[in-house]
């Protein structure tokens, strides 16, 4: 009777292993496609950082305007 519980755990462990392996291969191929490996690998990081700075600059201005409008509405 002890052998009845072995097969589900083995199948689950192999299933989990292959899911992690498939995920790792998927993200590795995706990183190759996006340019994270190779001679120009640092450019992707700087493009992402510059894009975040531009996006944050736009949001901070709009948040300041709404906060000022709330302050004027309360007074």
PDB file of N, CA and C in Angstrom:
ATOM      1  N   UNK A   1       0.814  -1.204   0.000  1.00  0.00           N
ATOM      2  CA  UNK A   1       0.000   0.000   0.000  1.00  0.00           C
ATOM      3  C   UNK A   1       0.851   1.258   0.000  1.00  0.00           C
ATOM      4  N   UNK A   2       2.040   1.210   0.491  1.00  0.00           N
ATOM      5  CA  UNK A   2       2.887   2.393   0.495  1.00  0.00           C
ATOM      6  C   UNK A   2       3.253   2.823  -0.920  1.00  0.00           C
ATOM      7  N   UNK A   3       3.268   1.895  -1.868  1.00  0.00           N
ATOM      8  CA  UNK A   3       3.615   2.212  -3.242  1.00  0.00           C
ATOM      9  C   UNK A   3       2.564   3.021  -3.970  1.00  0.00           C
ATOM     10  N   UNK A   4       1.334   3.074  -3.456  1.00  0.00           N
ATOM     11  CA  UNK A   4       0.267   3.825  -4.123  1.00  0.00           C
ATOM     12  C   UNK A   4       0.526   5.324  -4.124  1.00  0.00           C
ATOM     13  N   UNK A   5       1.225   5.812  -3.121  1.00  0.00           N
ATOM     14  CA  UNK A   5       1.448   7.248  -3.010  1.00  0.00           C
ATOM     15  C   UNK A   5       2.716   7.709  -3.728  1.00  0.00           C
ATOM     16  N   UNK A   6       3.497   6.798  -4.233  1.00  0.00           N
ATOM     17  CA  UNK A   6       4.768   7.160  -4.861  1.00  0.00           C
ATOM     18  C   UNK A   6       4.555   7.700  -6.271  1.00  0.00           C
ATOM     19  N   UNK A   7       3.694   7.075  -7.049  1.00  0.00           N
ATOM     20  CA  UNK A   7       3.534   7.479  -8.446  1.00  0.00           C
ATOM     21  C   UNK A   7       3.015   8.913  -8.605  1.00  0.00           C
ATOM     22  N   UNK A   8       2.010   9.362  -7.857  1.00  0.00           N
ATOM     23  CA  UNK A   8       1.588  10.763  -8.029  1.00  0.00           C
ATOM     24  C   UNK A   8       2.687  11.766  -7.698  1.00  0.00           C
ATOM     25  N   UNK A   9       3.477  11.486  -6.668  1.00  0.00           N
ATOM     26  CA  UNK A   9       4.532  12.429  -6.310  1.00  0.00           C
ATOM     27  C   UNK A   9       5.634  12.452  -7.359  1.00  0.00           C
ATOM     28  N   UNK A  10       5.930  11.310  -7.958  1.00  0.00           N
ATOM     29  CA  UNK A  10       6.940  11.276  -9.016  1.00  0.00           C
ATOM     30  C   UNK A  10       6.438  12.011 -10.250  1.00  0.00           C
ATOM     31  N   UNK A  11       5.189  11.775 -10.626  1.00  0.00           N
ATOM     32  CA  UNK A  11       4.638  12.469 -11.787  1.00  0.00           C
ATOM     33  C   UNK A  11       4.576  13.970 -11.545  1.00  0.00           C
ATOM     34  N   UNK A  12       4.188  14.358 -10.320  1.00  0.00           N
ATOM     35  CA  UNK A  12       4.133  15.787 -10.011  1.00  0.00           C
ATOM     36  C   UNK A  12       5.519  16.410 -10.057  1.00  0.00           C
ATOM     37  N   UNK A  13       6.528  15.737  -9.520  1.00  0.00           N
ATOM     38  CA  UNK A  13       7.877  16.305  -9.513  1.00  0.00           C
ATOM     39  C   UNK A  13       8.428  16.441 -10.931  1.00  0.00           C
ATOM     40  N   UNK A  14       8.173  15.431 -11.783  1.00  0.00           N
ATOM     41  CA  UNK A  14       8.616  15.556 -13.172  1.00  0.00           C
ATOM     42  C   UNK A  14       7.849  16.652 -13.903  1.00  0.00           C
ATOM     43  N   UNK A  15       6.556  16.760 -13.656  1.00  0.00           N
ATOM     44  CA  UNK A  15       5.760  17.811 -14.275  1.00  0.00           C
ATOM     45  C   UNK A  15       6.274  19.191 -13.867  1.00  0.00           C
ATOM     46  N   UNK A  16       6.540  19.375 -12.576  1.00  0.00           N
ATOM     47  CA  UNK A  16       7.048  20.655 -12.087  1.00  0.00           C
ATOM     48  C   UNK A  16       8.420  20.960 -12.682  1.00  0.00           C
ATOM     49  N   UNK A  17       9.276  19.947 -12.744  1.00  0.00           N
ATOM     50  CA  UNK A  17      10.601  20.137 -13.323  1.00  0.00           C
ATOM     51  C   UNK A  17      10.505  20.580 -14.778  1.00  0.00           C
ATOM     52  N   UNK A  18       9.660  19.921 -15.564  1.00  0.00           N
ATOM     53  CA  UNK A  18       9.543  20.283 -16.980  1.00  0.00           C
ATOM     54  C   UNK A  18       8.859  21.636 -17.172  1.00  0.00           C
ATOM     55  N   UNK A  19       7.974  22.016 -16.267  1.00  0.00           N
ATOM     56  CA  UNK A  19       7.366  23.350 -16.347  1.00  0.00           C
ATOM     57  C   UNK A  19       8.427  24.430 -16.104  1.00  0.00           C
ATOM     58  N   UNK A  20       9.264  24.231 -15.078  1.00  0.00           N
ATOM     59  CA  UNK A  20      10.344  25.191 -14.812  1.00  0.00           C
ATOM     60  C   UNK A  20      11.353  25.221 -15.954  1.00  0.00           C
ATOM     61  N   UNK A  21      11.663  24.063 -16.509  1.00  0.00           N
ATOM     62  CA  UNK A  21      12.589  23.993 -17.636  1.00  0.00           C
ATOM     63  C   UNK A  21      12.014  24.727 -18.851  1.00  0.00           C
ATOM     64  N   UNK A  22      10.733  24.503 -19.137  1.00  0.00           N
ATOM     65  CA  UNK A  22      10.094  25.183 -20.269  1.00  0.00           C
ATOM     66  C   UNK A  22      10.064  26.690 -20.043  1.00  0.00           C
ATOM     67  N   UNK A  23       9.781  27.125 -18.823  1.00  0.00           N
ATOM     68  CA  UNK A  23       9.793  28.554 -18.519  1.00  0.00           C
ATOM     69  C   UNK A  23      11.175  29.161 -18.675  1.00  0.00           C
ATOM     70  N   UNK A  24      12.191  28.443 -18.211  1.00  0.00           N
ATOM     71  CA  UNK A  24      13.558  28.935 -18.357  1.00  0.00           C
ATOM     72  C   UNK A  24      13.978  29.050 -19.810  1.00  0.00           C
ATOM     73  N   UNK A  25      13.638  28.052 -20.607  1.00  0.00           N
ATOM     74  CA  UNK A  25      13.974  28.099 -22.035  1.00  0.00           C
ATOM     75  C   UNK A  25      13.202  29.214 -22.730  1.00  0.00           C
ATOM     76  N   UNK A  26      11.930  29.371 -22.374  1.00  0.00           N
ATOM     77  CA  UNK A  26      11.121  30.436 -22.970  1.00  0.00           C
ATOM     78  C   UNK A  26      11.723  31.808 -22.703  1.00  0.00           C
ATOM     79  N   UNK A  27      12.048  32.101 -21.430  1.00  0.00           N
ATOM     80  CA  UNK A  27      12.585  33.417 -21.102  1.00  0.00           C
ATOM     81  C   UNK A  27      14.005  33.604 -21.620  1.00  0.00           C
ATOM     82  N   UNK A  28      14.774  32.518 -21.738  1.00  0.00           N
ATOM     83  CA  UNK A  28      16.099  32.626 -22.334  1.00  0.00           C
ATOM     84  C   UNK A  28      15.992  33.008 -23.809  1.00  0.00           C
ATOM     85  N   UNK A  29      15.096  32.356 -24.529  1.00  0.00           N
ATOM     86  CA  UNK A  29      14.902  32.689 -25.948  1.00  0.00           C
ATOM     87  C   UNK A  29      14.359  34.102 -26.093  1.00  0.00           C
ATOM     88  N   UNK A  30      13.458  34.481 -25.196  1.00  0.00           N
ATOM     89  CA  UNK A  30      12.907  35.840 -25.248  1.00  0.00           C
ATOM     90  C   UNK A  30      13.995  36.886 -24.989  1.00  0.00           C
ATOM     91  N   UNK A  31      14.908  36.605 -24.058  1.00  0.00           N
ATOM     92  CA  UNK A  31      15.988  37.551 -23.785  1.00  0.00           C
ATOM     93  C   UNK A  31      16.968  37.612 -24.959  1.00  0.00           C
ATOM     94  N   UNK A  32      17.175  36.492 -25.648  1.00  0.00           N
ATOM     95  CA  UNK A  32      18.000  36.530 -26.856  1.00  0.00           C
ATOM     96  C   UNK A  32      17.357  37.416 -27.919  1.00  0.00           C
ATOM     97  N   UNK A  33      16.057  37.271 -28.096  1.00  0.00           N
ATOM     98  CA  UNK A  33      15.331  38.036 -29.106  1.00  0.00           C
ATOM     99  C   UNK A  33      15.332  39.536 -28.775  1.00  0.00           C
ATOM    100  N   UNK A  34      15.223  39.881 -27.478  1.00  0.00           N
ATOM    101  CA  UNK A  34      15.171  41.285 -27.084  1.00  0.00           C
ATOM    102  C   UNK A  34      16.542  41.945 -27.037  1.00  0.00           C
ATOM    103  N   UNK A  35      17.609  41.181 -27.175  1.00  0.00           N
ATOM    104  CA  UNK A  35      18.948  41.759 -27.256  1.00  0.00           C
ATOM    105  C   UNK A  35      19.691  41.845 -25.938  1.00  0.00           C
ATOM    106  N   UNK A  36      19.341  41.042 -24.954  1.00  0.00           N
ATOM    107  CA  UNK A  36      20.044  41.071 -23.679  1.00  0.00           C
ATOM    108  C   UNK A  36      21.358  40.300 -23.705  1.00  0.00           C
ATOM    109  N   UNK A  37      21.646  39.569 -24.770  1.00  0.00           N
ATOM    110  CA  UNK A  37      22.887  38.818 -24.920  1.00  0.00           C
ATOM    111  C   UNK A  37      23.586  39.317 -26.182  1.00  0.00           C
ATOM    112  N   UNK A  38      24.852  39.589 -26.080  1.00  0.00           N
ATOM    113  CA  UNK A  38      25.593  40.004 -27.256  1.00  0.00           C
ATOM    114  C   UNK A  38      26.410  41.252 -27.004  1.00  0.00           C
ATOM    115  N   UNK A  39      26.924  41.826 -28.081  1.00  0.00           N
ATOM    116  CA  UNK A  39      27.824  42.968 -27.941  1.00  0.00           C
ATOM    117  C   UNK A  39      27.089  44.244 -27.541  1.00  0.00           C
ATOM    118  N   UNK A  40      25.820  44.380 -27.864  1.00  0.00           N
ATOM    119  CA  UNK A  40      25.065  45.590 -27.524  1.00  0.00           C
ATOM    120  C   UNK A  40      24.083  45.350 -26.385  1.00  0.00           C
ATOM    121  N   UNK A  41      24.438  44.493 -25.457  1.00  0.00           N
ATOM    122  CA  UNK A  41      23.493  44.100 -24.414  1.00  0.00           C
ATOM    123  C   UNK A  41      23.190  45.224 -23.431  1.00  0.00           C
ATOM    124  N   UNK A  42      24.092  46.159 -23.248  1.00  0.00           N
ATOM    125  CA  UNK A  42      23.862  47.239 -22.298  1.00  0.00           C
ATOM    126  C   UNK A  42      22.882  48.292 -22.833  1.00  0.00           C
ATOM    127  N   UNK A  43      22.703  48.373 -24.130  1.00  0.00           N
ATOM    128  CA  UNK A  43      21.817  49.378 -24.702  1.00  0.00           C
ATOM    129  C   UNK A  43      20.367  49.177 -24.274  1.00  0.00           C
ATOM    130  N   UNK A  44      19.951  47.943 -24.110  1.00  0.00           N
ATOM    131  CA  UNK A  44      18.577  47.656 -23.706  1.00  0.00           C
ATOM    132  C   UNK A  44      18.309  48.244 -22.328  1.00  0.00           C
ATOM    133  N   UNK A  45      19.282  48.117 -21.424  1.00  0.00           N
ATOM    134  CA  UNK A  45      19.117  48.633 -20.068  1.00  0.00           C
ATOM    135  C   UNK A  45      19.010  50.151 -20.086  1.00  0.00           C
ATOM    136  N   UNK A  46      19.839  50.828 -20.854  1.00  0.00           N
ATOM    137  CA  UNK A  46      19.802  52.286 -20.867  1.00  0.00           C
ATOM    138  C   UNK A  46      18.551  52.811 -21.553  1.00  0.00           C
ATOM    139  N   UNK A  47      18.073  52.121 -22.571  1.00  0.00           N
ATOM    140  CA  UNK A  47      16.828  52.536 -23.219  1.00  0.00           C
ATOM    141  C   UNK A  47      15.673  52.423 -22.232  1.00  0.00           C
ATOM    142  N   UNK A  48      15.640  51.346 -21.450  1.00  0.00           N
ATOM    143  CA  UNK A  48      14.582  51.171 -20.456  1.00  0.00           C
ATOM    144  C   UNK A  48      14.679  52.239 -19.374  1.00  0.00           C
ATOM    145  N   UNK A  49      15.892  52.573 -18.945  1.00  0.00           N
ATOM    146  CA  UNK A  49      16.054  53.586 -17.902  1.00  0.00           C
ATOM    147  C   UNK A  49      15.640  54.957 -18.411  1.00  0.00           C
ATOM    148  N   UNK A  50      16.008  55.301 -19.642  1.00  0.00           N
ATOM    149  CA  UNK A  50      15.621  56.599 -20.186  1.00  0.00           C
ATOM    150  C   UNK A  50      14.124  56.679 -20.395  1.00  0.00           C
ATOM    151  N   UNK A  51      13.509  55.596 -20.814  1.00  0.00           N
ATOM    152  CA  UNK A  51      12.070  55.579 -20.992  1.00  0.00           C
ATOM    153  C   UNK A  51      11.343  55.764 -19.670  1.00  0.00           C
ATOM    154  N   UNK A  52      11.862  55.178 -18.591  1.00  0.00           N
ATOM    155  CA  UNK A  52      11.241  55.346 -17.276  1.00  0.00           C
ATOM    156  C   UNK A  52      11.374  56.782 -16.801  1.00  0.00           C
ATOM    157  N   UNK A  53      12.516  57.409 -17.036  1.00  0.00           N
ATOM    158  CA  UNK A  53      12.698  58.791 -16.607  1.00  0.00           C
ATOM    159  C   UNK A  53      11.740  59.721 -17.326  1.00  0.00           C
ATOM    160  N   UNK A  54      11.555  59.527 -18.613  1.00  0.00           N
ATOM    161  CA  UNK A  54      10.629  60.370 -19.352  1.00  0.00           C
ATOM    162  C   UNK A  54       9.211  60.157 -18.864  1.00  0.00           C
ATOM    163  N   UNK A  55       8.856  58.921 -18.599  1.00  0.00           N
ATOM    164  CA  UNK A  55       7.509  58.608 -18.142  1.00  0.00           C
ATOM    165  C   UNK A  55       7.264  59.195 -16.753  1.00  0.00           C
ATOM    166  N   UNK A  56       8.252  59.106 -15.860  1.00  0.00           N
ATOM    167  CA  UNK A  56       8.087  59.644 -14.513  1.00  0.00           C
ATOM    168  C   UNK A  56       8.002  61.162 -14.543  1.00  0.00           C
ATOM    169  N   UNK A  57       8.719  61.784 -15.454  1.00  0.00           N
ATOM    170  CA  UNK A  57       8.654  63.239 -15.556  1.00  0.00           C
ATOM    171  C   UNK A  57       7.264  63.719 -15.939  1.00  0.00           C
ATOM    172  N   UNK A  58       6.608  63.003 -16.823  1.00  0.00           N
ATOM    173  CA  UNK A  58       5.256  63.385 -17.224  1.00  0.00           C
ATOM    174  C   UNK A  58       4.276  63.184 -16.092  1.00  0.00           C
ATOM    175  N   UNK A  59       4.411  62.091 -15.356  1.00  0.00           N
ATOM    176  CA  UNK A  59       3.471  61.796 -14.278  1.00  0.00           C
ATOM    177  C   UNK A  59       3.640  62.749 -13.113  1.00  0.00           C
ATOM    178  N   UNK A  60       4.883  63.123 -12.795  1.00  0.00           N
ATOM    179  CA  UNK A  60       5.086  63.975 -11.628  1.00  0.00           C
ATOM    180  C   UNK A  60       4.479  65.355 -11.857  1.00  0.00           C
ATOM    181  N   UNK A  61       4.506  65.847 -13.080  1.00  0.00           N
ATOM    182  CA  UNK A  61       3.889  67.134 -13.358  1.00  0.00           C
ATOM    183  C   UNK A  61       2.387  67.080 -13.229  1.00  0.00           C
ATOM    184  N   UNK A  62       1.783  66.013 -13.706  1.00  0.00           N
ATOM    185  CA  UNK A  62       0.335  65.922 -13.622  1.00  0.00           C
ATOM    186  C   UNK A  62      -0.116  65.695 -12.189  1.00  0.00           C
ATOM    187  N   UNK A  63       0.680  65.002 -11.381  1.00  0.00           N
ATOM    188  CA  UNK A  63       0.308  64.788  -9.985  1.00  0.00           C
ATOM    189  C   UNK A  63       0.401  66.092  -9.203  1.00  0.00           C
ATOM    190  N   UNK A  64       1.388  66.912  -9.531  1.00  0.00           N
ATOM    191  CA  UNK A  64       1.501  68.188  -8.830  1.00  0.00           C
ATOM    192  C   UNK A  64       0.308  69.077  -9.134  1.00  0.00           C
ATOM    193  N   UNK A  65      -0.126  69.048 -10.355  1.00  0.00           N
ATOM    194  CA  UNK A  65      -1.268  69.874 -10.720  1.00  0.00           C
ATOM    195  C   UNK A  65      -2.532  69.427  -9.992  1.00  0.00           C
ATOM    196  N   UNK A  66      -2.748  68.135  -9.859  1.00  0.00           N
ATOM    197  CA  UNK A  66      -3.950  67.663  -9.175  1.00  0.00           C
ATOM    198  C   UNK A  66      -3.863  67.949  -7.688  1.00  0.00           C
ATOM    199  N   UNK A  67      -2.667  67.854  -7.102  1.00  0.00           N
ATOM    200  CA  UNK A  67      -2.536  68.147  -5.679  1.00  0.00           C
ATOM    201  C   UNK A  67      -2.788  69.625  -5.412  1.00  0.00           C
ATOM    202  N   UNK A  68      -2.327  70.482  -6.285  1.00  0.00           N
ATOM    203  CA  UNK A  68      -2.568  71.908  -6.105  1.00  0.00           C
ATOM    204  C   UNK A  68      -4.055  72.220  -6.253  1.00  0.00           C
ATOM    205  N   UNK A  69      -4.706  71.529  -7.162  1.00  0.00           N
ATOM    206  CA  UNK A  69      -6.121  71.750  -7.350  1.00  0.00           C
ATOM    207  C   UNK A  69      -6.911  71.302  -6.133  1.00  0.00           C
ATOM    208  N   UNK A  70      -6.499  70.223  -5.500  1.00  0.00           N
ATOM    209  CA  UNK A  70      -7.171  69.757  -4.276  1.00  0.00           C
ATOM    210  C   UNK A  70      -6.965  70.739  -3.138  1.00  0.00           C
ATOM    211  N   UNK A  71      -5.766  71.306  -3.052  1.00  0.00           N
ATOM    212  CA  UNK A  71      -5.486  72.246  -1.978  1.00  0.00           C
ATOM    213  C   UNK A  71      -6.332  73.519  -2.142  1.00  0.00           C
ATOM    214  N   UNK A  72      -6.486  73.972  -3.368  1.00  0.00           N
ATOM    215  CA  UNK A  72      -7.291  75.162  -3.608  1.00  0.00           C
ATOM    216  C   UNK A  72      -8.779  74.879  -3.363  1.00  0.00           C
ATOM    217  N   UNK A  73      -9.209  73.679  -3.638  1.00  0.00           N
ATOM    218  CA  UNK A  73     -10.615  73.333  -3.441  1.00  0.00           C
ATOM    219  C   UNK A  73     -10.954  73.241  -1.965  1.00  0.00           C
ATOM    220  N   UNK A  74      -9.990  72.855  -1.138  1.00  0.00           N
ATOM    221  CA  UNK A  74     -10.251  72.714   0.296  1.00  0.00           C
ATOM    222  C   UNK A  74     -10.248  74.056   1.021  1.00  0.00           C
ATOM    223  N   UNK A  75      -9.510  75.067   0.483  1.00  0.00           N
ATOM    224  CA  UNK A  75      -9.402  76.326   1.210  1.00  0.00           C
ATOM    225  C   UNK A  75     -10.531  77.266   0.939  1.00  0.00           C
TER     226      UNK A  75
END
